[in-house]
Amino acid sequence: MNYILFDGTVRDNLLPFTFTRPVADIRVGILTIREKWEKYLGSTMTTITEAYLSEKFPMVEMEENVLINASYLPTKKLIDLIVELKENEAIFQGEEVIAFFTSATQDTVDFSSYKAMEFEDDILRIVNTWDIFEKNGAALQADFDFLTAGRNSAPISETNRLIHPENIFLEEGAQVEYSILNATDGPIYLGKDSEIWEGAMVRGAFALCEHGVVKMGAKIYGATTIGPYGKVCGEVSNSVLFGYSSKGHEGYLGNAVLGEWCNIGADSNNSNLKNNYAKVRLWNYASESFEQTGLQFCGLMMGDHSKTAINTMLNTGTVVGVNVNIYVPGFPRNFIPSFSWGGASGFSTYLPVKAFEAAKVMMARRQVEFTEVDARILEHVFELTKKWRKY
């Protein structure tokens, strides 16, 4: 069977992260959503997404296909239902379709003619940006259980102090020395060739993905995920960093999500709690307004290729778009449109030609090419986000 992940109705709620990727390529827990589905189904999967993203994330259609809503995370019970789907059958949760069978000959899908099956078990779904960190603990536990089932951890050095070592798993090549790992409240997973340097203190749930680095003396609180090739130091709490992003120095990052290729400058801090303890409002691209999250703790949402200079201060509930460079003192406003350059004293437009120069250098340091396809995607994002730049 050919399986295809589609963005569904929540794609705009998940901006700025979905400016540059399908919903399926959001990381939550240890794996991206796409990786979870591929491992559960044992099959490579493609995506239906925005037209401007399809060159990098193409869709492959065959005679018979099962389309799956990428905002839902897989479970064994859901997988069992999906693999048994037949023509004109669909799985729903309330009004939302989770998965359905279709053929290449169908121009449109009329669900009124489908046999509808209601999925009533508990299931994780990523609907809003803050769900990525808010549901990270549950997603991380599910990924840990799936990835480590029936396997033994690589050896861990006796120089470390371990609490609940049965909940700690190291992949091949992972290293950690002279650190404290406490897996009482959630598992700790170290991916292939990742490394925790001396003197780090880590409380689970925590995932350090392939080639990730936790630097000396870091203080990590769960539930936190550092994506592939990510680097962190200082104090990090309940945050998710996608691949290749860095917070490599002292400073606080909490209840936050960073896209790929982000960099947080030394001694930068985000607030995650308002002084009056009120619930946090967050910019929503779908409604083009600030909307209530219902959360008391909510920090920073930062799109791909965005950066802060040293000593940057960010307010509670700040949303930073794609290719933003924040570099002047003071608290900037809590919604910064994509391709902005400046800070509290004001912003100007960060022209793509300049942004791309920085991206090429940063990516080359990790032996990754900034391609023409990447440039076309970001140029499209530049045009899409013009209306929010008033400079």
Foldseek 3Di string as FASTA:
>chain_A
DAEEEEQPDQLLQQPPANLAPGQQQDDFAAHGQQVQVCVLQVHHYAYDYDPLNCVVGPHDAAFKYKYAHSQWHDDNVVVVVRVPADAQEFEDAVPHTGMHMDGPPDPDDDNVSGHYHYDDDDTGGHRHNLCRLVVRQVSNQVVQCVVCVPHAADDADPQEAEAPCVLEHEDAQEYEHQEYEYQPPHHEYEEHNEYEYHQEYEYDPEYEYAPEYEYHNAYEEPDEYAEHNEYEGAYEYSEYEHPQEYAHEHEYHYSEYEYHQEYEEHREYWFFADPVLDFDWAQRSVVRDTDGPVDRGHTEYAYALEYEYHHHYEYHHAYHHYLEYEYDDDYFDRYHFHQWYYGNVDTDGNDLVNSVVVVQVSQVVVPHHCDPSNSSSVVVSVVVGPVVDPD
